Amino acid sequence: MKGCAAEMPSYTYAVKGEKLLKARGYQCEVQREEAPSENGCGYSLKIYGDCSRAKNILDSYAIPYTSFVYGGG
């Protein structure tokens, strides 16, 4: 299964993104990062499925992320 990860600026945005995507049928989960980047809060949103569409959904609902990495899953 295709997968990707969106590094989030806060835990709150990670949860909002998770709820938004799950309501649209995506499998996703909030995960704590062991080594967060300088711009992140230490949480990321792991997304399984069509990552391009998931990214567009987050963008269209103004859910910010500090980076979006394709691959894995």
N, C-alpha and C. Protein backbone atom coordinates (compact mmCIF):
# COMPACT_ATOMS: atom_id res chain seq x y z
N MET A 1 0.85 -1.19 0.00
CA MET A 1 0.00 0.00 0.00
C MET A 1 0.89 1.24 0.00
N LYS A 2 0.51 2.23 -0.78
CA LYS A 2 1.26 3.48 -0.84
C LYS A 2 1.12 4.20 0.50
N GLY A 3 2.14 4.95 0.83
CA GLY A 3 2.08 5.70 2.07
C GLY A 3 2.90 6.96 1.99
N CYS A 4 2.67 7.84 2.95
CA CYS A 4 3.40 9.09 3.04
C CYS A 4 3.30 9.60 4.47
N ALA A 5 4.03 10.64 4.75
CA ALA A 5 4.01 11.22 6.09
C ALA A 5 4.02 12.74 5.98
N ALA A 6 3.20 13.37 6.78
CA ALA A 6 3.17 14.83 6.87
C ALA A 6 3.66 15.20 8.26
N GLU A 7 4.80 15.88 8.33
CA GLU A 7 5.29 16.35 9.61
C GLU A 7 4.47 17.57 10.00
N MET A 8 3.94 17.57 11.20
CA MET A 8 2.99 18.59 11.60
C MET A 8 3.63 19.64 12.52
N PRO A 9 3.11 20.88 12.48
CA PRO A 9 3.64 21.93 13.34
C PRO A 9 3.15 21.84 14.78
N SER A 10 2.07 21.07 15.02
CA SER A 10 1.57 20.89 16.38
C SER A 10 0.76 19.60 16.46
N TYR A 11 0.63 19.10 17.68
CA TYR A 11 -0.18 17.89 17.90
C TYR A 11 -1.63 18.17 17.50
N THR A 12 -2.12 19.35 17.79
CA THR A 12 -3.50 19.72 17.47
C THR A 12 -3.76 19.61 15.97
N TYR A 13 -2.85 20.11 15.15
CA TYR A 13 -3.04 20.01 13.70
C TYR A 13 -2.92 18.57 13.22
N ALA A 14 -2.09 17.79 13.88
CA ALA A 14 -1.98 16.37 13.52
C ALA A 14 -3.32 15.66 13.74
N VAL A 15 -3.96 15.93 14.86
CA VAL A 15 -5.25 15.31 15.17
C VAL A 15 -6.34 15.83 14.22
N LYS A 16 -6.33 17.14 13.94
CA LYS A 16 -7.31 17.69 13.00
C LYS A 16 -7.16 17.07 11.62
N GLY A 17 -5.91 16.93 11.16
CA GLY A 17 -5.65 16.30 9.87
C GLY A 17 -6.11 14.85 9.85
N GLU A 18 -5.84 14.14 10.94
CA GLU A 18 -6.25 12.74 11.04
C GLU A 18 -7.77 12.61 10.95
N LYS A 19 -8.50 13.41 11.70
CA LYS A 19 -9.97 13.36 11.67
C LYS A 19 -10.51 13.71 10.29
N LEU A 20 -9.94 14.72 9.66
CA LEU A 20 -10.37 15.16 8.34
C LEU A 20 -10.19 14.04 7.32
N LEU A 21 -9.02 13.42 7.31
CA LEU A 21 -8.74 12.38 6.33
C LEU A 21 -9.52 11.09 6.62
N LYS A 22 -9.66 10.73 7.90
CA LYS A 22 -10.43 9.53 8.24
C LYS A 22 -11.90 9.69 7.83
N ALA A 23 -12.43 10.90 7.94
CA ALA A 23 -13.82 11.16 7.54
C ALA A 23 -13.99 10.99 6.03
N ARG A 24 -12.87 11.04 5.29
CA ARG A 24 -12.91 10.88 3.84
C ARG A 24 -12.40 9.50 3.40
N GLY A 25 -12.30 8.57 4.35
CA GLY A 25 -11.98 7.19 4.03
C GLY A 25 -10.51 6.82 4.02
N TYR A 26 -9.63 7.71 4.46
CA TYR A 26 -8.21 7.40 4.49
C TYR A 26 -7.84 6.66 5.76
N GLN A 27 -6.90 5.73 5.65
CA GLN A 27 -6.29 5.14 6.82
C GLN A 27 -5.13 6.04 7.18
N CYS A 28 -5.09 6.51 8.40
CA CYS A 28 -4.00 7.36 8.85
C CYS A 28 -3.89 7.31 10.36
N GLU A 29 -2.75 7.75 10.86
CA GLU A 29 -2.54 7.74 12.30
C GLU A 29 -1.51 8.80 12.68
N VAL A 30 -1.67 9.35 13.86
CA VAL A 30 -0.73 10.31 14.41
C VAL A 30 0.37 9.51 15.09
N GLN A 31 1.62 9.85 14.79
CA GLN A 31 2.75 9.17 15.41
C GLN A 31 3.73 10.16 15.99
N ARG A 32 4.29 9.81 17.14
CA ARG A 32 5.32 10.61 17.78
C ARG A 32 6.65 10.29 17.12
N GLU A 33 7.38 11.31 16.72
CA GLU A 33 8.69 11.14 16.10
C GLU A 33 9.76 11.08 17.18
N GLU A 34 10.71 10.19 17.02
CA GLU A 34 11.79 10.07 18.00
C GLU A 34 12.80 11.21 17.86
N ALA A 35 13.00 11.66 16.64
CA ALA A 35 13.95 12.75 16.40
C ALA A 35 13.28 13.81 15.52
N PRO A 36 12.48 14.70 16.12
CA PRO A 36 11.79 15.72 15.31
C PRO A 36 12.76 16.71 14.68
N SER A 37 12.35 17.27 13.54
CA SER A 37 13.18 18.28 12.89
C SER A 37 13.04 19.61 13.63
N GLU A 38 13.81 20.59 13.22
CA GLU A 38 13.77 21.90 13.87
C GLU A 38 12.41 22.58 13.70
N ASN A 39 11.74 22.33 12.57
CA ASN A 39 10.47 23.00 12.27
C ASN A 39 9.25 22.26 12.79
N GLY A 40 9.40 21.00 13.14
CA GLY A 40 8.25 20.20 13.55
C GLY A 40 8.05 20.19 15.06
N CYS A 41 6.91 19.67 15.48
CA CYS A 41 6.59 19.60 16.89
C CYS A 41 6.92 18.24 17.48
N GLY A 42 7.28 17.30 16.62
CA GLY A 42 7.57 15.96 17.10
C GLY A 42 6.47 14.97 16.77
N TYR A 43 5.43 15.43 16.07
CA TYR A 43 4.35 14.55 15.66
C TYR A 43 4.20 14.59 14.14
N SER A 44 3.89 13.45 13.58
CA SER A 44 3.62 13.39 12.15
C SER A 44 2.34 12.61 11.91
N LEU A 45 1.81 12.79 10.74
CA LEU A 45 0.58 12.11 10.33
C LEU A 45 0.97 11.12 9.24
N LYS A 46 0.88 9.83 9.55
CA LYS A 46 1.17 8.77 8.58
C LYS A 46 -0.11 8.50 7.81
N ILE A 47 -0.02 8.55 6.50
CA ILE A 47 -1.19 8.43 5.62
C ILE A 47 -0.98 7.27 4.66
N TYR A 48 -2.00 6.43 4.51
CA TYR A 48 -1.94 5.28 3.60
C TYR A 48 -3.02 5.47 2.54
N GLY A 49 -2.62 5.37 1.27
CA GLY A 49 -3.56 5.56 0.18
C GLY A 49 -3.02 6.55 -0.82
N ASP A 50 -3.91 7.28 -1.48
CA ASP A 50 -3.55 8.26 -2.50
C ASP A 50 -2.99 9.51 -1.82
N CYS A 51 -1.66 9.59 -1.75
CA CYS A 51 -1.01 10.68 -1.02
C CYS A 51 -1.20 12.04 -1.66
N SER A 52 -1.21 12.10 -2.98
CA SER A 52 -1.40 13.38 -3.66
C SER A 52 -2.77 13.96 -3.32
N ARG A 53 -3.77 13.13 -3.34
CA ARG A 53 -5.12 13.59 -2.99
C ARG A 53 -5.21 13.98 -1.52
N ALA A 54 -4.58 13.20 -0.65
CA ALA A 54 -4.58 13.52 0.79
C ALA A 54 -3.91 14.87 1.03
N LYS A 55 -2.80 15.12 0.34
CA LYS A 55 -2.11 16.40 0.47
C LYS A 55 -3.01 17.54 0.00
N ASN A 56 -3.72 17.34 -1.10
CA ASN A 56 -4.65 18.36 -1.60
C ASN A 56 -5.77 18.63 -0.60
N ILE A 57 -6.26 17.59 0.06
CA ILE A 57 -7.32 17.77 1.07
C ILE A 57 -6.79 18.59 2.23
N LEU A 58 -5.60 18.26 2.74
CA LEU A 58 -5.03 19.05 3.84
C LEU A 58 -4.85 20.50 3.42
N ASP A 59 -4.37 20.72 2.20
CA ASP A 59 -4.18 22.09 1.71
C ASP A 59 -5.51 22.84 1.59
N SER A 60 -6.52 22.18 1.04
CA SER A 60 -7.79 22.86 0.81
C SER A 60 -8.52 23.20 2.11
N TYR A 61 -8.22 22.48 3.19
CA TYR A 61 -8.82 22.78 4.48
C TYR A 61 -7.87 23.53 5.40
N ALA A 62 -6.78 24.04 4.83
CA ALA A 62 -5.81 24.87 5.55
C ALA A 62 -5.23 24.18 6.78
N ILE A 63 -4.96 22.87 6.66
CA ILE A 63 -4.28 22.15 7.73
C ILE A 63 -2.78 22.22 7.40
N PRO A 64 -2.01 22.96 8.20
CA PRO A 64 -0.60 23.15 7.86
C PRO A 64 0.24 21.92 8.20
N TYR A 65 1.34 21.77 7.48
CA TYR A 65 2.35 20.75 7.76
C TYR A 65 3.69 21.36 7.42
N THR A 66 4.72 20.91 8.09
CA THR A 66 6.05 21.49 7.86
C THR A 66 6.79 20.79 6.74
N SER A 67 6.47 19.52 6.49
CA SER A 67 7.03 18.80 5.34
C SER A 67 6.10 17.64 5.00
N PHE A 68 6.18 17.21 3.75
CA PHE A 68 5.35 16.11 3.26
C PHE A 68 6.26 15.18 2.48
N VAL A 69 6.38 13.94 2.95
CA VAL A 69 7.30 12.98 2.36
C VAL A 69 6.53 11.81 1.77
N TYR A 70 6.75 11.55 0.49
CA TYR A 70 6.11 10.43 -0.17
C TYR A 70 6.96 9.17 0.00
N GLY A 71 6.29 8.03 0.03
CA GLY A 71 7.00 6.75 0.11
C GLY A 71 6.77 6.07 1.44
N GLY A 72 7.14 4.82 1.48
CA GLY A 72 6.94 4.04 2.70
C GLY A 72 5.55 3.49 2.78
N GLY A 73 5.15 3.11 3.98
CA GLY A 73 3.81 2.58 4.17
C GLY A 73 3.84 1.17 4.01
